[in-house]
N, C-alpha and C. Protein backbone atom coordinates (compact mmCIF):
# COMPACT_ATOMS: atom_id res chain seq x y z
N MET A 1 -24.16 -22.83 13.04
CA MET A 1 -23.39 -22.48 11.73
C MET A 1 -22.86 -23.91 11.29
N GLN A 2 -23.25 -23.89 10.16
CA GLN A 2 -22.66 -25.15 9.30
C GLN A 2 -21.19 -25.12 8.82
N PRO A 3 -20.34 -26.16 8.81
CA PRO A 3 -19.07 -26.12 8.27
C PRO A 3 -19.07 -25.80 6.85
N THR A 4 -18.28 -25.11 6.41
CA THR A 4 -18.13 -24.94 5.11
C THR A 4 -17.11 -25.46 4.19
N ASP A 5 -17.20 -26.17 3.14
CA ASP A 5 -16.40 -26.95 2.24
C ASP A 5 -15.45 -25.81 1.57
N PRO A 6 -14.27 -25.37 1.91
CA PRO A 6 -13.62 -24.47 1.08
C PRO A 6 -13.35 -24.72 -0.18
N LYS A 7 -13.37 -26.13 -0.74
CA LYS A 7 -13.47 -26.51 -2.00
C LYS A 7 -14.29 -25.94 -2.81
N LEU A 8 -15.58 -25.61 -2.44
CA LEU A 8 -16.69 -25.16 -3.06
C LEU A 8 -16.74 -23.59 -3.21
N LEU A 9 -16.03 -22.87 -2.25
CA LEU A 9 -16.04 -21.46 -2.25
C LEU A 9 -15.32 -20.65 -3.40
N PRO A 10 -15.71 -19.62 -3.80
CA PRO A 10 -14.95 -18.79 -4.94
C PRO A 10 -13.86 -18.23 -4.44
N GLY A 11 -12.85 -18.04 -5.38
CA GLY A 11 -11.56 -17.61 -5.06
C GLY A 11 -11.54 -16.41 -4.18
N ALA A 12 -12.32 -15.37 -4.52
CA ALA A 12 -12.39 -14.27 -4.00
C ALA A 12 -12.77 -14.40 -2.39
N THR A 13 -13.69 -15.33 -2.15
CA THR A 13 -14.15 -15.57 -0.92
C THR A 13 -12.89 -16.12 -0.03
N LEU A 14 -12.25 -17.08 -0.59
CA LEU A 14 -11.31 -17.56 0.08
C LEU A 14 -10.23 -16.62 0.14
N ALA A 15 -9.81 -15.67 -0.63
CA ALA A 15 -9.05 -14.55 -0.21
C ALA A 15 -9.45 -13.71 0.74
N TYR A 16 -10.65 -13.44 0.95
CA TYR A 16 -11.24 -12.53 2.05
C TYR A 16 -10.99 -13.14 3.32
N MET A 17 -11.05 -14.49 3.28
CA MET A 17 -10.62 -15.09 4.39
C MET A 17 -9.03 -15.21 4.69
N GLY A 18 -8.50 -15.48 3.76
CA GLY A 18 -6.94 -15.67 3.88
C GLY A 18 -6.32 -14.30 4.16
N ASP A 19 -7.00 -13.30 3.99
CA ASP A 19 -6.49 -12.00 4.40
C ASP A 19 -6.42 -11.53 5.86
N ALA A 20 -7.50 -12.27 6.56
CA ALA A 20 -7.60 -12.25 7.94
C ALA A 20 -6.72 -13.25 8.66
N VAL A 21 -6.47 -14.43 7.99
CA VAL A 21 -5.51 -15.43 8.35
C VAL A 21 -4.20 -14.93 8.26
N LEU A 22 -3.56 -14.29 7.31
CA LEU A 22 -2.41 -13.74 7.17
C LEU A 22 -2.18 -12.66 8.35
N GLU A 23 -3.18 -11.88 8.43
CA GLU A 23 -3.23 -10.88 9.49
C GLU A 23 -2.72 -11.40 10.98
N VAL A 24 -3.41 -12.52 11.18
CA VAL A 24 -3.12 -13.04 12.49
C VAL A 24 -1.75 -13.90 12.57
N LEU A 25 -1.31 -14.37 11.39
CA LEU A 25 -0.02 -14.91 11.27
C LEU A 25 1.09 -14.02 11.46
N VAL A 26 0.89 -12.79 10.84
CA VAL A 26 1.72 -11.64 10.95
C VAL A 26 1.86 -11.19 12.12
N ARG A 27 0.76 -10.71 13.00
CA ARG A 27 0.77 -10.44 14.37
C ARG A 27 1.63 -11.43 15.17
N GLN A 28 1.13 -12.59 15.03
CA GLN A 28 1.93 -13.72 15.81
C GLN A 28 3.27 -13.49 15.77
N ARG A 29 3.85 -13.36 14.35
CA ARG A 29 5.15 -13.38 14.15
C ARG A 29 5.94 -12.41 14.70
N LEU A 30 5.25 -11.07 14.77
CA LEU A 30 5.77 -9.91 15.32
C LEU A 30 5.80 -9.96 16.76
N ILE A 31 4.88 -10.57 17.41
CA ILE A 31 4.91 -10.64 18.99
C ILE A 31 5.65 -11.74 19.36
N GLU A 32 5.91 -12.83 18.62
CA GLU A 32 7.09 -13.81 18.97
C GLU A 32 8.42 -13.32 18.84
N SER A 33 8.47 -12.23 17.88
CA SER A 33 9.95 -11.83 17.63
C SER A 33 10.19 -10.83 18.87
N GLY A 34 9.49 -10.48 19.67
CA GLY A 34 9.85 -9.61 20.71
C GLY A 34 9.20 -8.37 20.59
N GLN A 35 8.51 -7.95 19.51
CA GLN A 35 8.10 -6.71 19.40
C GLN A 35 7.31 -6.17 20.57
N THR A 36 7.21 -5.08 21.10
CA THR A 36 6.23 -4.54 21.89
C THR A 36 5.59 -3.15 21.56
N GLN A 37 6.15 -2.48 20.62
CA GLN A 37 5.77 -1.13 20.26
C GLN A 37 4.51 -1.17 19.16
N SER A 38 3.52 -1.04 19.50
CA SER A 38 2.53 -1.25 18.65
C SER A 38 2.41 -0.35 17.30
N GLY A 39 3.05 0.79 17.38
CA GLY A 39 3.31 1.55 16.14
C GLY A 39 4.16 1.00 15.37
N LYS A 40 5.27 0.47 15.87
CA LYS A 40 6.39 -0.25 14.91
C LYS A 40 5.74 -1.54 14.48
N MET A 41 4.80 -2.09 15.31
CA MET A 41 4.13 -3.67 14.98
C MET A 41 3.52 -3.26 13.65
N ASN A 42 2.65 -2.12 13.67
CA ASN A 42 1.56 -1.97 12.78
C ASN A 42 2.63 -1.69 11.46
N LYS A 43 3.38 -0.89 11.46
CA LYS A 43 4.40 -0.62 10.16
C LYS A 43 4.86 -1.86 9.61
N LEU A 44 5.49 -2.77 10.52
CA LEU A 44 6.00 -4.02 9.96
C LEU A 44 4.80 -4.97 9.49
N ALA A 45 3.75 -4.96 10.16
CA ALA A 45 2.60 -5.62 9.64
C ALA A 45 2.04 -5.20 8.29
N LEU A 46 2.06 -3.94 7.96
CA LEU A 46 1.69 -3.55 6.66
C LEU A 46 2.80 -4.12 5.64
N SER A 47 4.18 -4.07 5.92
CA SER A 47 4.94 -4.50 5.05
C SER A 47 4.77 -6.11 4.53
N PHE A 48 4.14 -6.93 5.43
CA PHE A 48 3.83 -8.42 5.33
C PHE A 48 2.66 -8.49 4.20
N VAL A 49 1.75 -7.46 4.46
CA VAL A 49 0.49 -7.63 3.82
C VAL A 49 0.32 -6.70 2.37
N LYS A 50 1.34 -5.97 2.11
CA LYS A 50 1.27 -5.41 0.83
C LYS A 50 1.29 -6.38 -0.35
N ALA A 51 0.62 -6.09 -1.31
CA ALA A 51 0.36 -6.83 -2.49
C ALA A 51 1.89 -7.26 -3.26
N THR A 52 2.63 -6.08 -3.28
CA THR A 52 4.03 -6.50 -3.89
C THR A 52 4.81 -7.33 -2.85
N GLU A 53 4.68 -7.37 -1.70
CA GLU A 53 5.45 -8.45 -0.78
C GLU A 53 4.84 -9.65 -0.75
N GLN A 54 3.54 -9.81 -1.06
CA GLN A 54 2.83 -11.25 -0.94
C GLN A 54 3.15 -11.83 -2.48
N SER A 55 3.24 -11.05 -3.56
CA SER A 55 3.66 -11.52 -4.75
C SER A 55 4.85 -12.03 -4.72
N LYS A 56 5.95 -11.32 -4.23
CA LYS A 56 7.37 -12.05 -3.96
C LYS A 56 7.22 -13.31 -3.17
N ALA A 57 6.20 -13.20 -2.19
CA ALA A 57 6.20 -14.60 -1.26
C ALA A 57 5.74 -15.86 -2.16
N VAL A 58 4.89 -15.49 -3.18
CA VAL A 58 4.55 -16.56 -3.85
C VAL A 58 5.62 -17.36 -4.54
N ASP A 59 6.50 -16.61 -5.00
CA ASP A 59 7.69 -17.33 -5.76
C ASP A 59 8.26 -17.89 -4.69
N ARG A 60 8.52 -17.96 -3.56
CA ARG A 60 9.09 -18.51 -2.48
C ARG A 60 8.41 -19.86 -2.23
N ILE A 61 6.98 -19.71 -2.25
CA ILE A 61 6.31 -21.03 -2.04
C ILE A 61 5.81 -21.85 -2.92
N LEU A 62 5.86 -21.31 -4.16
CA LEU A 62 5.14 -22.23 -5.38
C LEU A 62 5.90 -23.54 -5.42
N PRO A 63 7.10 -23.55 -5.44
CA PRO A 63 7.81 -25.04 -5.55
C PRO A 63 7.39 -25.86 -4.35
N HIS A 64 6.93 -25.26 -3.31
CA HIS A 64 6.45 -26.21 -2.10
C HIS A 64 4.89 -26.82 -2.25
N LEU A 65 4.24 -26.05 -3.21
CA LEU A 65 2.84 -26.48 -3.17
C LEU A 65 2.43 -27.69 -3.74
N ASP A 66 1.52 -28.36 -3.21
CA ASP A 66 0.98 -29.68 -3.96
C ASP A 66 0.16 -29.28 -4.97
N GLU A 67 -0.43 -30.07 -5.98
CA GLU A 67 -1.31 -29.87 -6.98
C GLU A 67 -2.52 -29.10 -6.52
N GLU A 68 -3.16 -29.55 -5.56
CA GLU A 68 -4.41 -29.04 -4.78
C GLU A 68 -4.26 -27.80 -4.40
N GLU A 69 -3.08 -27.21 -3.85
CA GLU A 69 -2.72 -26.09 -3.30
C GLU A 69 -2.45 -25.12 -4.45
N GLU A 70 -1.76 -25.51 -5.42
CA GLU A 70 -1.55 -24.64 -6.53
C GLU A 70 -2.88 -24.45 -7.28
N ALA A 71 -3.75 -25.38 -7.40
CA ALA A 71 -5.17 -25.04 -8.12
C ALA A 71 -5.80 -23.93 -7.25
N ILE A 72 -5.77 -24.00 -6.02
CA ILE A 72 -6.51 -23.01 -5.23
C ILE A 72 -5.57 -21.62 -5.38
N PHE A 73 -4.37 -21.60 -5.45
CA PHE A 73 -3.93 -20.26 -5.83
C PHE A 73 -4.23 -19.89 -6.95
N LYS A 74 -4.33 -20.50 -7.85
CA LYS A 74 -4.74 -20.41 -9.34
C LYS A 74 -6.09 -19.67 -9.30
N ARG A 75 -7.11 -20.56 -8.61
CA ARG A 75 -8.34 -20.12 -8.59
C ARG A 75 -8.64 -18.51 -7.91
N GLY A 76 -7.56 -18.29 -6.92
CA GLY A 76 -7.65 -16.93 -6.29
C GLY A 76 -7.05 -15.93 -7.16
N ARG A 77 -6.03 -16.35 -7.87
CA ARG A 77 -5.41 -15.47 -8.69
C ARG A 77 -6.37 -14.86 -9.89
N ASN A 78 -7.08 -15.97 -10.28
CA ASN A 78 -7.95 -15.51 -11.50
C ASN A 78 -9.16 -15.38 -11.37
N ALA A 79 -9.42 -14.72 -10.00
CA ALA A 79 -10.85 -14.54 -9.50
C ALA A 79 -11.37 -13.25 -10.18
N HIS A 80 -12.63 -13.27 -10.52
CA HIS A 80 -13.18 -11.99 -11.22
C HIS A 80 -13.43 -11.06 -10.14
N GLY A 81 -13.58 -9.75 -10.91
CA GLY A 81 -14.09 -8.76 -10.04
C GLY A 81 -13.19 -8.16 -9.18
N ILE A 82 -12.00 -8.31 -9.37
CA ILE A 82 -10.95 -7.76 -8.63
C ILE A 82 -9.88 -6.81 -9.38
N SER A 83 -10.02 -5.52 -8.82
CA SER A 83 -9.24 -4.42 -9.45
C SER A 83 -7.99 -4.25 -8.59
N ALA A 84 -6.99 -3.98 -9.09
CA ALA A 84 -5.81 -3.71 -8.42
C ALA A 84 -5.66 -2.20 -7.80
N PRO A 85 -5.08 -2.02 -6.57
CA PRO A 85 -5.10 -0.61 -5.99
C PRO A 85 -3.84 -0.04 -6.86
N LYS A 86 -3.53 1.37 -6.66
CA LYS A 86 -2.49 2.08 -7.11
C LYS A 86 -1.18 1.65 -6.74
N SER A 87 -0.97 1.09 -5.82
CA SER A 87 0.15 0.92 -5.00
C SER A 87 0.79 -0.55 -5.65
N ALA A 88 0.00 -1.15 -6.45
CA ALA A 88 0.54 -2.60 -7.18
C ALA A 88 0.25 -2.66 -8.48
N ALA A 89 1.03 -3.26 -9.35
CA ALA A 89 0.56 -3.60 -10.67
C ALA A 89 -0.52 -4.74 -10.44
N THR A 90 -1.16 -4.87 -11.63
CA THR A 90 -2.25 -5.83 -11.70
C THR A 90 -1.82 -7.23 -11.37
N GLY A 91 -0.73 -7.63 -12.07
CA GLY A 91 -0.15 -8.95 -11.95
C GLY A 91 0.19 -9.39 -10.31
N GLU A 92 0.91 -8.31 -10.09
CA GLU A 92 1.09 -8.56 -8.45
C GLU A 92 -0.18 -8.75 -7.51
N TYR A 93 -1.17 -7.73 -7.89
CA TYR A 93 -2.30 -7.78 -7.01
C TYR A 93 -3.03 -9.23 -7.23
N ARG A 94 -3.05 -9.56 -8.26
CA ARG A 94 -3.60 -11.07 -8.62
C ARG A 94 -2.91 -11.98 -7.91
N ARG A 95 -1.59 -12.14 -7.87
CA ARG A 95 -0.82 -13.10 -7.17
C ARG A 95 -1.01 -12.85 -5.85
N ALA A 96 -1.10 -11.79 -5.23
CA ALA A 96 -1.48 -11.54 -3.80
C ALA A 96 -2.63 -12.10 -3.52
N THR A 97 -3.68 -11.96 -4.36
CA THR A 97 -4.98 -12.53 -4.17
C THR A 97 -5.07 -14.01 -4.18
N GLY A 98 -4.38 -14.67 -4.96
CA GLY A 98 -4.20 -16.12 -5.12
C GLY A 98 -3.36 -16.46 -3.79
N PHE A 99 -2.50 -15.78 -3.33
CA PHE A 99 -1.74 -15.93 -2.15
C PHE A 99 -2.72 -16.11 -0.89
N GLU A 100 -3.49 -15.25 -0.79
CA GLU A 100 -4.43 -14.97 0.27
C GLU A 100 -5.60 -16.05 0.31
N ALA A 101 -5.94 -16.56 -0.90
CA ALA A 101 -6.93 -17.53 -1.33
C ALA A 101 -6.42 -18.75 -0.89
N LEU A 102 -5.25 -19.01 -0.88
CA LEU A 102 -4.50 -20.06 -0.52
C LEU A 102 -4.52 -20.34 0.91
N PHE A 103 -4.20 -19.20 1.55
CA PHE A 103 -4.13 -19.45 3.06
C PHE A 103 -5.66 -19.46 3.81
N GLY A 104 -6.54 -18.79 3.11
CA GLY A 104 -8.11 -19.11 3.23
C GLY A 104 -8.50 -20.30 3.19
N TYR A 105 -8.18 -21.15 2.28
CA TYR A 105 -8.42 -22.23 1.95
C TYR A 105 -7.85 -23.31 3.06
N LEU A 106 -6.62 -22.99 3.22
CA LEU A 106 -5.91 -23.87 4.46
C LEU A 106 -6.59 -23.78 5.66
N TRP A 107 -7.01 -22.44 6.12
CA TRP A 107 -7.43 -22.34 7.51
C TRP A 107 -8.94 -22.77 7.41
N LEU A 108 -9.73 -22.66 6.55
CA LEU A 108 -10.95 -23.21 6.34
C LEU A 108 -11.02 -24.66 6.41
N GLY A 109 -10.17 -25.18 5.87
CA GLY A 109 -10.00 -26.75 5.62
C GLY A 109 -9.22 -27.30 6.83
N GLU A 110 -9.09 -26.57 7.86
CA GLU A 110 -8.41 -26.84 9.20
C GLU A 110 -7.03 -27.41 9.06
N LYS A 111 -6.24 -26.83 8.21
CA LYS A 111 -5.07 -27.27 7.79
C LYS A 111 -4.22 -26.08 8.27
N THR A 112 -4.22 -25.74 9.60
CA THR A 112 -3.49 -24.65 10.02
C THR A 112 -1.90 -24.86 10.13
N GLU A 113 -1.69 -26.07 10.38
CA GLU A 113 -0.18 -26.30 10.50
C GLU A 113 0.46 -26.07 9.06
N ARG A 114 -0.20 -26.45 8.11
CA ARG A 114 0.30 -26.39 6.58
C ARG A 114 0.35 -24.58 6.59
N ALA A 115 -0.69 -23.97 6.90
CA ALA A 115 -0.58 -22.65 6.77
C ALA A 115 0.62 -22.19 7.28
N GLU A 116 0.76 -22.13 8.62
CA GLU A 116 2.01 -22.03 9.29
C GLU A 116 3.31 -22.30 8.49
N GLU A 117 3.34 -23.62 8.08
CA GLU A 117 4.61 -24.17 7.52
C GLU A 117 4.71 -23.07 5.88
N LEU A 118 3.87 -22.84 5.31
CA LEU A 118 3.84 -21.97 4.22
C LEU A 118 4.15 -20.55 4.57
N PHE A 119 3.74 -20.03 5.41
CA PHE A 119 3.97 -18.65 5.92
C PHE A 119 5.37 -18.55 6.39
N ALA A 120 6.06 -19.51 6.97
CA ALA A 120 7.51 -19.59 7.34
C ALA A 120 8.23 -19.65 6.01
N LEU A 121 7.67 -20.37 5.03
CA LEU A 121 8.58 -20.23 3.71
C LEU A 121 8.29 -19.01 2.83
N ALA A 122 7.20 -18.47 3.09
CA ALA A 122 6.86 -17.25 2.46
C ALA A 122 7.70 -15.91 2.79
N PHE A 123 7.94 -16.07 4.31
CA PHE A 123 8.69 -14.98 4.78
C PHE A 123 9.69 -15.45 5.69
N PRO A 124 10.85 -16.23 5.15
CA PRO A 124 11.81 -16.67 5.89
C PRO A 124 12.68 -15.91 6.70
N GLU A 125 12.94 -14.65 6.28
CA GLU A 125 13.89 -13.72 6.93
C GLU A 125 13.22 -13.19 8.48
N GLY A 126 12.16 -13.35 8.54
CA GLY A 126 11.14 -12.66 9.54
C GLY A 126 10.56 -11.64 9.03
N TYR A 127 11.00 -10.86 8.27
CA TYR A 127 10.38 -9.54 7.81
C TYR A 127 10.62 -9.38 6.14
N PRO A 128 9.63 -8.86 5.48
CA PRO A 128 9.93 -8.77 4.17
C PRO A 128 11.15 -7.86 3.85
N GLU A 129 11.80 -7.98 2.59
CA GLU A 129 12.75 -7.36 2.25
C GLU A 129 12.34 -5.80 2.23
N ASN A 130 13.23 -4.90 2.19
CA ASN A 130 13.15 -3.56 2.46
C ASN A 130 11.82 -2.92 3.12
N CYS A 131 11.88 -3.72 4.33
CA CYS A 131 10.77 -3.09 5.26
C CYS A 131 11.15 -1.81 5.91
N PRO A 132 10.47 -0.70 5.67
CA PRO A 132 10.60 0.60 6.08
C PRO A 132 10.82 0.54 7.56
N ALA A 133 9.89 -0.02 8.38
CA ALA A 133 10.13 0.01 9.72
C ALA A 133 11.51 -0.79 10.28
N THR A 134 12.17 -1.45 9.64
CA THR A 134 13.33 -2.17 9.96
C THR A 134 14.48 -1.15 9.88
N LYS A 135 14.36 -0.15 9.02
CA LYS A 135 15.58 0.73 8.66
C LYS A 135 15.44 2.03 9.55
N GLU A 136 14.36 2.04 10.51
CA GLU A 136 14.28 3.06 11.40
C GLU A 136 15.07 2.80 12.65
N GLU A 137 15.39 3.56 13.57
CA GLU A 137 15.96 3.33 14.84
C GLU A 137 15.06 2.29 15.43
N THR A 138 15.76 1.35 16.07
CA THR A 138 15.17 0.22 16.57
C THR A 138 14.44 0.59 17.95
N GLN A 139 13.34 0.10 18.31
CA GLN A 139 12.63 0.45 19.48
C GLN A 139 12.82 -0.78 20.52
N PRO A 140 12.52 -0.69 21.60
CA PRO A 140 12.85 -1.55 22.51
C PRO A 140 12.01 -2.85 22.29
N THR A 141 12.61 -4.15 22.53
CA THR A 141 11.94 -5.29 22.30
C THR A 141 11.46 -5.58 23.83
N LEU A 142 10.76 -6.79 23.75
CA LEU A 142 10.19 -7.29 25.20
C LEU A 142 11.28 -7.64 26.17
N GLN A 143 12.53 -8.22 25.63
CA GLN A 143 13.70 -8.43 26.62
C GLN A 143 14.17 -7.29 26.97
N GLU A 144 14.16 -6.16 26.14
CA GLU A 144 14.75 -4.78 26.75
C GLU A 144 13.76 -3.85 27.53
N ASN A 145 12.59 -4.39 27.45
CA ASN A 145 11.60 -3.71 28.57
C ASN A 145 11.54 -4.38 29.73
N THR A 146 12.27 -5.58 29.74
CA THR A 146 11.83 -6.29 31.14
C THR A 146 12.91 -5.69 32.27
N VAL A 147 12.22 -5.62 33.40
CA VAL A 147 13.21 -4.91 34.61
C VAL A 147 13.92 -5.82 34.99
N GLN A 148 15.14 -5.62 34.96
CA GLN A 148 16.44 -6.43 35.33
C GLN A 148 16.33 -6.59 37.09
């Protein structure tokens, strides 16, 4: 398998990869927070990857992007052939696609530390605002499940 130069990939392709990268970063965050209940982790993970939440996250990272990163975000945002789902407005979905493209670009360019840094800036609270799973009764965390 030959290495791929992420600078040469279309925005939609970068977003495809970025979707997977974000899924890994979200799961890592949830596990590191002590979550052990798979059902709750799945609900929390969905809150991170919704287009509406990713669009909000863009606002938090844009001031921290360099010129190259901003250009990649715009390439993903402006990618052709993208149709928004009913759960998000077209603008939100396009911004989320740009967000994913940026993370795909960073990952493929072996800039994983930068991806982790931007992820922390994008979701500083640990969970996106209005996360439905955090409003439910709290389930045991890893520490609470440990036998004393």
